[in-house]
PDB file of N, CA and C in Angstrom:
ATOM      1  N   MET A   1     102.434  83.489  80.487  1.00  0.00           N
ATOM      2  CA  MET A   1     101.596  84.387  81.251  1.00  0.00           C
ATOM      3  C   MET A   1     101.720  84.788  81.779  1.00  0.00           C
ATOM      4  N   THR A   2     100.923  86.527  80.935  1.00  0.00           N
ATOM      5  CA  THR A   2     100.903  87.284  81.365  1.00  0.00           C
ATOM      6  C   THR A   2     100.483  87.936  83.198  1.00  0.00           C
ATOM      7  N   LYS A   3     101.491  89.028  83.728  1.00  0.00           N
ATOM      8  CA  LYS A   3     101.433  89.369  85.698  1.00  0.00           C
ATOM      9  C   LYS A   3     100.291  90.433  85.049  1.00  0.00           C
ATOM     10  N   LYS A   4      99.514  89.828  85.937  1.00  0.00           N
ATOM     11  CA  LYS A   4      98.092  90.791  86.064  1.00  0.00           C
ATOM     12  C   LYS A   4      98.641  92.413  86.364  1.00  0.00           C
ATOM     13  N   LYS A   5      97.739  93.534  85.960  1.00  0.00           N
ATOM     14  CA  LYS A   5      98.363  94.834  86.702  1.00  0.00           C
ATOM     15  C   LYS A   5      98.438  94.798  87.721  1.00  0.00           C
ATOM     16  N   GLU A   6      99.197  95.791  88.652  1.00  0.00           N
ATOM     17  CA  GLU A   6      99.126  96.027  89.934  1.00  0.00           C
ATOM     18  C   GLU A   6      99.477  97.574  89.748  1.00  0.00           C
ATOM     19  N   ARG A   7      97.787  98.136  89.491  1.00  0.00           N
ATOM     20  CA  ARG A   7      98.521  99.565  89.030  1.00  0.00           C
ATOM     21  C   ARG A   7      98.082 100.288  90.487  1.00  0.00           C
ATOM     22  N   ALA A   8      98.684 101.690  90.275  1.00  0.00           N
ATOM     23  CA  ALA A   8      98.975 103.078  91.396  1.00  0.00           C
ATOM     24  C   ALA A   8      98.364 104.183  91.144  1.00  0.00           C
ATOM     25  N   VAL A   9      98.015 105.358  91.846  1.00  0.00           N
ATOM     26  CA  VAL A   9      97.695 106.436  91.221  1.00  0.00           C
ATOM     27  C   VAL A   9      98.675 106.756  92.161  1.00  0.00           C
ATOM     28  N   ILE A  10      99.574 108.448  91.335  1.00  0.00           N
ATOM     29  CA  ILE A  10     100.355 108.797  91.860  1.00  0.00           C
ATOM     30  C   ILE A  10      99.870 110.462  91.483  1.00  0.00           C
ATOM     31  N   THR A  11      99.864 111.016  92.872  1.00  0.00           N
ATOM     32  CA  THR A  11      99.478 112.662  92.330  1.00  0.00           C
ATOM     33  C   THR A  11     101.578 113.401  93.188  1.00  0.00           C
ATOM     34  N   VAL A  12     101.009 114.533  92.428  1.00  0.00           N
ATOM     35  CA  VAL A  12     102.230 115.614  92.458  1.00  0.00           C
ATOM     36  C   VAL A  12     101.960 116.258  92.404  1.00  0.00           C
ATOM     37  N   THR A  13     102.105 117.332  93.458  1.00  0.00           N
ATOM     38  CA  THR A  13     101.643 118.555  93.951  1.00  0.00           C
ATOM     39  C   THR A  13     103.036 119.824  94.290  1.00  0.00           C
ATOM     40  N   GLY A  14     102.683 121.262  93.658  1.00  0.00           N
ATOM     41  CA  GLY A  14     103.698 122.230  94.170  1.00  0.00           C
ATOM     42  C   GLY A  14     103.578 123.287  93.693  1.00  0.00           C
ATOM     43  N   VAL A  15     105.089 124.078  93.894  1.00  0.00           N
ATOM     44  CA  VAL A  15     104.722 125.603  93.115  1.00  0.00           C
ATOM     45  C   VAL A  15     105.493 125.139  91.725  1.00  0.00           C
ATOM     46  N   ASP A  16     104.642 125.644  90.619  1.00  0.00           N
ATOM     47  CA  ASP A  16     105.354 124.941  89.371  1.00  0.00           C
ATOM     48  C   ASP A  16     106.705 125.407  88.681  1.00  0.00           C
ATOM     49  N   HIS A  17     107.464 124.701  88.256  1.00  0.00           N
ATOM     50  CA  HIS A  17     108.759 124.697  87.767  1.00  0.00           C
ATOM     51  C   HIS A  17     109.290 123.975  86.768  1.00  0.00           C
ATOM     52  N   SER A  18     109.983 124.452  85.476  1.00  0.00           N
ATOM     53  CA  SER A  18     110.467 123.553  84.700  1.00  0.00           C
ATOM     54  C   SER A  18     110.888 122.307  85.638  1.00  0.00           C
ATOM     55  N   GLY A  19     110.981 121.042  84.555  1.00  0.00           N
ATOM     56  CA  GLY A  19     111.613 119.766  85.204  1.00  0.00           C
ATOM     57  C   GLY A  19     110.658 118.961  85.505  1.00  0.00           C
ATOM     58  N   ILE A  20     109.534 119.283  86.044  1.00  0.00           N
ATOM     59  CA  ILE A  20     108.585 118.454  87.173  1.00  0.00           C
ATOM     60  C   ILE A  20     108.365 117.073  86.537  1.00  0.00           C
ATOM     61  N   VAL A  21     108.311 117.362  85.229  1.00  0.00           N
ATOM     62  CA  VAL A  21     107.421 116.147  84.404  1.00  0.00           C
ATOM     63  C   VAL A  21     108.385 115.090  83.838  1.00  0.00           C
ATOM     64  N   ALA A  22     109.458 115.901  83.757  1.00  0.00           N
ATOM     65  CA  ALA A  22     110.214 115.024  83.340  1.00  0.00           C
ATOM     66  C   ALA A  22     111.489 114.397  84.155  1.00  0.00           C
ATOM     67  N   ALA A  23     111.321 115.103  85.408  1.00  0.00           N
ATOM     68  CA  ALA A  23     112.244 114.317  86.440  1.00  0.00           C
ATOM     69  C   ALA A  23     111.195 112.962  87.271  1.00  0.00           C
ATOM     70  N   VAL A  24     109.996 113.033  86.958  1.00  0.00           N
ATOM     71  CA  VAL A  24     108.900 112.042  87.478  1.00  0.00           C
ATOM     72  C   VAL A  24     108.914 110.998  86.460  1.00  0.00           C
ATOM     73  N   THR A  25     108.424 111.415  85.304  1.00  0.00           N
ATOM     74  CA  THR A  25     108.579 110.144  84.480  1.00  0.00           C
ATOM     75  C   THR A  25     109.894 109.124  83.951  1.00  0.00           C
ATOM     76  N   THR A  26     110.856 110.340  84.334  1.00  0.00           N
ATOM     77  CA  THR A  26     112.004 109.761  83.869  1.00  0.00           C
ATOM     78  C   THR A  26     112.532 108.707  84.731  1.00  0.00           C
ATOM     79  N   GLU A  27     112.241 108.863  86.403  1.00  0.00           N
ATOM     80  CA  GLU A  27     112.890 107.935  87.580  1.00  0.00           C
ATOM     81  C   GLU A  27     111.548 106.579  87.227  1.00  0.00           C
ATOM     82  N   LEU A  28     110.677 107.016  86.678  1.00  0.00           N
ATOM     83  CA  LEU A  28     109.689 105.961  86.598  1.00  0.00           C
ATOM     84  C   LEU A  28     109.792 104.690  85.666  1.00  0.00           C
ATOM     85  N   ALA A  29     110.374 105.343  84.582  1.00  0.00           N
ATOM     86  CA  ALA A  29     110.882 104.741  82.853  1.00  0.00           C
ATOM     87  C   ALA A  29     112.280 104.149  83.666  1.00  0.00           C
ATOM     88  N   LYS A  30     112.974 104.511  84.554  1.00  0.00           N
ATOM     89  CA  LYS A  30     114.275 103.574  84.849  1.00  0.00           C
ATOM     90  C   LYS A  30     113.659 102.183  85.728  1.00  0.00           C
ATOM     91  N   LEU A  31     112.589 102.388  86.187  1.00  0.00           N
ATOM     92  CA  LEU A  31     111.783 101.404  87.126  1.00  0.00           C
ATOM     93  C   LEU A  31     110.904 100.606  86.295  1.00  0.00           C
ATOM     94  N   ASN A  32     110.976 100.858  85.161  1.00  0.00           N
ATOM     95  CA  ASN A  32     110.024 100.086  83.932  1.00  0.00           C
ATOM     96  C   ASN A  32     108.268  99.961  84.764  1.00  0.00           C
ATOM     97  N   VAL A  33     108.573 101.105  85.227  1.00  0.00           N
ATOM     98  CA  VAL A  33     106.789 101.498  85.361  1.00  0.00           C
ATOM     99  C   VAL A  33     105.934 101.953  84.013  1.00  0.00           C
ATOM    100  N   ASN A  34     105.108 101.479  83.778  1.00  0.00           N
ATOM    101  CA  ASN A  34     104.081 101.815  82.603  1.00  0.00           C
ATOM    102  C   ASN A  34     103.366 102.842  82.886  1.00  0.00           C
ATOM    103  N   ILE A  35     103.363 104.118  82.425  1.00  0.00           N
ATOM    104  CA  ILE A  35     101.922 105.371  82.624  1.00  0.00           C
ATOM    105  C   ILE A  35     101.113 105.257  81.418  1.00  0.00           C
ATOM    106  N   GLU A  36      99.898 104.415  82.046  1.00  0.00           N
ATOM    107  CA  GLU A  36      98.690 104.497  81.423  1.00  0.00           C
ATOM    108  C   GLU A  36      97.970 105.503  81.279  1.00  0.00           C
ATOM    109  N   ASP A  37      97.886 106.530  81.908  1.00  0.00           N
ATOM    110  CA  ASP A  37      97.271 107.244  81.875  1.00  0.00           C
ATOM    111  C   ASP A  37      98.072 108.541  82.870  1.00  0.00           C
ATOM    112  N   ILE A  38      97.884 110.150  82.234  1.00  0.00           N
ATOM    113  CA  ILE A  38      98.015 110.878  82.682  1.00  0.00           C
ATOM    114  C   ILE A  38      97.521 111.998  82.699  1.00  0.00           C
ATOM    115  N   SER A  39      97.172 113.017  83.598  1.00  0.00           N
ATOM    116  CA  SER A  39      96.541 114.793  83.467  1.00  0.00           C
ATOM    117  C   SER A  39      97.570 115.408  84.294  1.00  0.00           C
ATOM    118  N   GLN A  40      97.588 116.370  83.728  1.00  0.00           N
ATOM    119  CA  GLN A  40      98.284 117.682  84.419  1.00  0.00           C
ATOM    120  C   GLN A  40      98.219 118.569  84.232  1.00  0.00           C
ATOM    121  N   THR A  41      97.763 119.875  85.047  1.00  0.00           N
ATOM    122  CA  THR A  41      97.409 121.433  84.838  1.00  0.00           C
ATOM    123  C   THR A  41      98.392 122.422  86.199  1.00  0.00           C
ATOM    124  N   ILE A  42      98.595 123.699  85.249  1.00  0.00           N
ATOM    125  CA  ILE A  42      98.726 124.608  86.101  1.00  0.00           C
ATOM    126  C   ILE A  42      97.802 125.476  86.431  1.00  0.00           C
ATOM    127  N   LEU A  43      97.565 125.471  87.869  1.00  0.00           N
ATOM    128  CA  LEU A  43      96.963 126.503  88.694  1.00  0.00           C
ATOM    129  C   LEU A  43      97.477 127.447  88.944  1.00  0.00           C
ATOM    130  N   GLN A  44      97.088 128.907  88.414  1.00  0.00           N
ATOM    131  CA  GLN A  44      98.439 129.863  88.669  1.00  0.00           C
ATOM    132  C   GLN A  44      99.538 129.249  88.693  1.00  0.00           C
ATOM    133  N   ASP A  45     100.153 129.840  90.009  1.00  0.00           N
ATOM    134  CA  ASP A  45     101.585 129.498  90.091  1.00  0.00           C
ATOM    135  C   ASP A  45     101.891 127.706  90.738  1.00  0.00           C
ATOM    136  N   PHE A  46     100.564 127.335  90.589  1.00  0.00           N
ATOM    137  CA  PHE A  46     100.488 125.711  91.439  1.00  0.00           C
ATOM    138  C   PHE A  46     100.559 124.308  90.224  1.00  0.00           C
ATOM    139  N   PHE A  47     101.643 123.782  90.659  1.00  0.00           N
ATOM    140  CA  PHE A  47     100.983 122.161  89.309  1.00  0.00           C
ATOM    141  C   PHE A  47     100.319 120.867  90.057  1.00  0.00           C
ATOM    142  N   THR A  48      99.548 120.896  89.068  1.00  0.00           N
ATOM    143  CA  THR A  48      99.377 119.794  89.622  1.00  0.00           C
ATOM    144  C   THR A  48      99.456 117.937  88.538  1.00  0.00           C
ATOM    145  N   MET A  49      99.495 117.226  89.149  1.00  0.00           N
ATOM    146  CA  MET A  49      99.843 116.440  87.853  1.00  0.00           C
ATOM    147  C   MET A  49      99.202 115.394  89.043  1.00  0.00           C
ATOM    148  N   ILE A  50      98.459 114.167  88.047  1.00  0.00           N
ATOM    149  CA  ILE A  50      97.964 112.816  88.331  1.00  0.00           C
ATOM    150  C   ILE A  50      98.161 111.494  87.227  1.00  0.00           C
ATOM    151  N   MET A  51      98.695 110.265  87.808  1.00  0.00           N
ATOM    152  CA  MET A  51      98.742 109.902  86.572  1.00  0.00           C
ATOM    153  C   MET A  51      98.502 108.083  87.571  1.00  0.00           C
ATOM    154  N   LEU A  52      97.911 107.514  86.133  1.00  0.00           N
ATOM    155  CA  LEU A  52      97.663 105.946  86.646  1.00  0.00           C
ATOM    156  C   LEU A  52      98.699 105.646  86.356  1.00  0.00           C
ATOM    157  N   VAL A  53      99.532 104.536  86.992  1.00  0.00           N
ATOM    158  CA  VAL A  53     100.333 103.472  86.686  1.00  0.00           C
ATOM    159  C   VAL A  53     100.406 102.275  86.955  1.00  0.00           C
ATOM    160  N   ASP A  54     100.950 101.287  85.932  1.00  0.00           N
ATOM    161  CA  ASP A  54     101.175  99.872  86.160  1.00  0.00           C
ATOM    162  C   ASP A  54     102.671  99.536  86.999  1.00  0.00           C
ATOM    163  N   VAL A  55     102.208  99.526  88.582  1.00  0.00           N
ATOM    164  CA  VAL A  55     104.162  99.075  88.872  1.00  0.00           C
ATOM    165  C   VAL A  55     104.196  97.561  88.980  1.00  0.00           C
ATOM    166  N   ARG A  56     104.182  96.751  88.108  1.00  0.00           N
ATOM    167  CA  ARG A  56     104.262  95.356  88.049  1.00  0.00           C
ATOM    168  C   ARG A  56     105.790  95.111  87.349  1.00  0.00           C
ATOM    169  N   GLY A  57     106.105  96.127  86.845  1.00  0.00           N
ATOM    170  CA  GLY A  57     107.243  96.246  86.281  1.00  0.00           C
ATOM    171  C   GLY A  57     108.539  96.397  87.346  1.00  0.00           C
ATOM    172  N   GLY A  58     108.369  97.013  88.370  1.00  0.00           N
ATOM    173  CA  GLY A  58     109.057  97.354  89.359  1.00  0.00           C
ATOM    174  C   GLY A  58     108.699  96.651  90.946  1.00  0.00           C
ATOM    175  N   LYS A  59     109.517  97.148  91.844  1.00  0.00           N
ATOM    176  CA  LYS A  59     108.946  96.839  93.097  1.00  0.00           C
ATOM    177  C   LYS A  59     108.474  97.667  93.835  1.00  0.00           C
ATOM    178  N   ARG A  60     107.890  98.317  94.311  1.00  0.00           N
ATOM    179  CA  ARG A  60     106.753  99.184  94.869  1.00  0.00           C
ATOM    180  C   ARG A  60     107.424 100.239  95.901  1.00  0.00           C
ATOM    181  N   SER A  61     108.321  99.174  96.907  1.00  0.00           N
ATOM    182  CA  SER A  61     109.061 100.304  97.787  1.00  0.00           C
ATOM    183  C   SER A  61     110.628 100.903  97.116  1.00  0.00           C
ATOM    184  N   GLU A  62     110.816 100.062  95.897  1.00  0.00           N
ATOM    185  CA  GLU A  62     111.572 100.844  95.071  1.00  0.00           C
ATOM    186  C   GLU A  62     111.156 102.118  94.108  1.00  0.00           C
ATOM    187  N   VAL A  63     109.944 101.875  94.053  1.00  0.00           N
ATOM    188  CA  VAL A  63     109.411 102.906  92.946  1.00  0.00           C
ATOM    189  C   VAL A  63     109.399 104.378  94.061  1.00  0.00           C
ATOM    190  N   GLN A  64     108.592 103.720  95.333  1.00  0.00           N
ATOM    191  CA  GLN A  64     108.194 105.007  96.229  1.00  0.00           C
ATOM    192  C   GLN A  64     109.613 105.288  96.690  1.00  0.00           C
ATOM    193  N   LYS A  65     110.836 105.253  96.852  1.00  0.00           N
ATOM    194  CA  LYS A  65     111.751 105.496  97.469  1.00  0.00           C
ATOM    195  C   LYS A  65     112.617 106.550  96.071  1.00  0.00           C
ATOM    196  N   ALA A  66     112.277 106.223  95.146  1.00  0.00           N
ATOM    197  CA  ALA A  66     112.577 106.880  93.910  1.00  0.00           C
ATOM    198  C   ALA A  66     111.956 108.356  93.500  1.00  0.00           C
ATOM    199  N   LEU A  67     110.501 108.154  93.745  1.00  0.00           N
ATOM    200  CA  LEU A  67     109.512 109.363  93.768  1.00  0.00           C
ATOM    201  C   LEU A  67     109.796 110.186  95.198  1.00  0.00           C
ATOM    202  N   ASP A  68     109.868 109.741  96.456  1.00  0.00           N
ATOM    203  CA  ASP A  68     110.635 110.315  97.507  1.00  0.00           C
ATOM    204  C   ASP A  68     111.945 111.638  96.788  1.00  0.00           C
ATOM    205  N   ARG A  69     112.886 110.834  96.360  1.00  0.00           N
ATOM    206  CA  ARG A  69     114.294 111.631  96.263  1.00  0.00           C
ATOM    207  C   ARG A  69     113.862 112.373  94.873  1.00  0.00           C
ATOM    208  N   VAL A  70     112.756 112.026  94.035  1.00  0.00           N
ATOM    209  CA  VAL A  70     112.583 113.294  92.715  1.00  0.00           C
ATOM    210  C   VAL A  70     111.815 114.383  94.166  1.00  0.00           C
ATOM    211  N   ALA A  71     110.857 113.958  94.655  1.00  0.00           N
ATOM    212  CA  ALA A  71     110.359 114.890  95.328  1.00  0.00           C
ATOM    213  C   ALA A  71     111.013 116.234  96.074  1.00  0.00           C
ATOM    214  N   ASP A  72     111.705 115.442  96.878  1.00  0.00           N
ATOM    215  CA  ASP A  72     112.751 116.168  97.451  1.00  0.00           C
ATOM    216  C   ASP A  72     113.668 117.005  96.228  1.00  0.00           C
ATOM    217  N   LYS A  73     114.298 116.682  95.554  1.00  0.00           N
ATOM    218  CA  LYS A  73     114.984 117.915  94.700  1.00  0.00           C
ATOM    219  C   LYS A  73     114.273 118.503  94.200  1.00  0.00           C
ATOM    220  N   GLN A  74     113.346 118.125  93.350  1.00  0.00           N
ATOM    221  CA  GLN A  74     112.072 119.195  92.829  1.00  0.00           C
ATOM    222  C   GLN A  74     111.226 120.322  93.942  1.00  0.00           C
ATOM    223  N   LYS A  75     111.168 119.748  95.426  1.00  0.00           N
ATOM    224  CA  LYS A  75     110.592 120.676  95.922  1.00  0.00           C
ATOM    225  C   LYS A  75     109.214 120.270  95.484  1.00  0.00           C
ATOM    226  N   VAL A  76     108.294 119.298  95.242  1.00  0.00           N
ATOM    227  CA  VAL A  76     107.182 118.587  95.493  1.00  0.00           C
ATOM    228  C   VAL A  76     106.837 117.883  96.133  1.00  0.00           C
ATOM    229  N   LYS A  77     105.762 117.689  95.883  1.00  0.00           N
ATOM    230  CA  LYS A  77     104.868 116.514  97.423  1.00  0.00           C
ATOM    231  C   LYS A  77     104.704 115.217  96.319  1.00  0.00           C
ATOM    232  N   ILE A  78     104.549 114.203  96.524  1.00  0.00           N
ATOM    233  CA  ILE A  78     104.454 113.024  95.421  1.00  0.00           C
ATOM    234  C   ILE A  78     103.926 111.986  96.557  1.00  0.00           C
ATOM    235  N   ILE A  79     102.316 111.802  96.363  1.00  0.00           N
ATOM    236  CA  ILE A  79     101.793 110.359  96.720  1.00  0.00           C
ATOM    237  C   ILE A  79     101.465 109.293  95.901  1.00  0.00           C
ATOM    238  N   MET A  80     102.346 108.269  96.280  1.00  0.00           N
ATOM    239  CA  MET A  80     102.033 107.137  95.772  1.00  0.00           C
ATOM    240  C   MET A  80     100.699 106.288  96.108  1.00  0.00           C
ATOM    241  N   GLN A  81      99.296 105.612  96.043  1.00  0.00           N
ATOM    242  CA  GLN A  81      98.529 105.097  96.483  1.00  0.00           C
ATOM    243  C   GLN A  81      98.291 103.743  95.780  1.00  0.00           C
ATOM    244  N   HIS A  82      98.045 102.680  96.448  1.00  0.00           N
ATOM    245  CA  HIS A  82      97.418 101.152  95.450  1.00  0.00           C
ATOM    246  C   HIS A  82      95.928 101.559  94.710  1.00  0.00           C
ATOM    247  N   GLU A  83      95.521 101.471  93.672  1.00  0.00           N
ATOM    248  CA  GLU A  83      94.697 101.900  93.211  1.00  0.00           C
ATOM    249  C   GLU A  83      93.700 101.372  94.094  1.00  0.00           C
ATOM    250  N   ASP A  84      93.318 100.378  94.488  1.00  0.00           N
ATOM    251  CA  ASP A  84      92.172  99.863  95.343  1.00  0.00           C
ATOM    252  C   ASP A  84      91.981 100.767  96.299  1.00  0.00           C
ATOM    253  N   LEU A  85      92.934 100.675  97.031  1.00  0.00           N
ATOM    254  CA  LEU A  85      92.961 101.781  98.305  1.00  0.00           C
ATOM    255  C   LEU A  85      92.629 103.535  97.548  1.00  0.00           C
ATOM    256  N   PHE A  86      93.017 104.096  96.563  1.00  0.00           N
ATOM    257  CA  PHE A  86      92.711 105.219  96.227  1.00  0.00           C
ATOM    258  C   PHE A  86      90.621 105.239  95.966  1.00  0.00           C
ATOM    259  N   ARG A  87      90.728 104.099  95.271  1.00  0.00           N
ATOM    260  CA  ARG A  87      88.894 103.736  94.787  1.00  0.00           C
ATOM    261  C   ARG A  87      88.097 103.705  96.043  1.00  0.00           C
ATOM    262  N   TYR A  88      88.652 103.162  97.014  1.00  0.00           N
ATOM    263  CA  TYR A  88      88.236 103.042  98.353  1.00  0.00           C
ATOM    264  C   TYR A  88      87.899 104.215  98.966  1.00  0.00           C
ATOM    265  N   MET A  89      88.717 105.246  99.502  1.00  0.00           N
ATOM    266  CA  MET A  89      89.216 106.538 100.146  1.00  0.00           C
ATOM    267  C   MET A  89      88.354 107.488  99.242  1.00  0.00           C
ATOM    268  N   HIS A  90      87.868 107.287  97.465  1.00  0.00           N
ATOM    269  CA  HIS A  90      86.792 108.313  97.129  1.00  0.00           C
ATOM    270  C   HIS A  90      86.177 107.469  96.628  1.00  0.00           C
ATOM    271  N   ARG A  91      85.141 106.599  97.250  1.00  0.00           N
ATOM    272  CA  ARG A  91      83.974 106.404  97.076  1.00  0.00           C
ATOM    273  C   ARG A  91      82.954 106.497  97.699  1.00  0.00           C
ATOM    274  N   VAL A  92      81.739 107.013  96.856  1.00  0.00           N
ATOM    275  CA  VAL A  92      80.848 107.838  97.708  1.00  0.00           C
ATOM    276  C   VAL A  92      79.335 107.080  98.251  1.00  0.00           C
TER     277      VAL A  92
END
């Protein structure tokens, strides 16, 4: 029996520098988190990335702790929200 997807939206913002995407995606891979969709752009000197991920491979609390460590090291802000919460907050 396949487990139901447990999707989350991860946003990453900060001053652009090399290694941000690699740092975030490496930690997610270590925790068996599948990236289902990803968009990243640079706005002048600012980096922005949004990912839709399936976190059923790892514990949400472990994923959040790993993302917090990456955010500290990379000097960026990383927010992870459950897909349902994200959809509710952005409903018109």
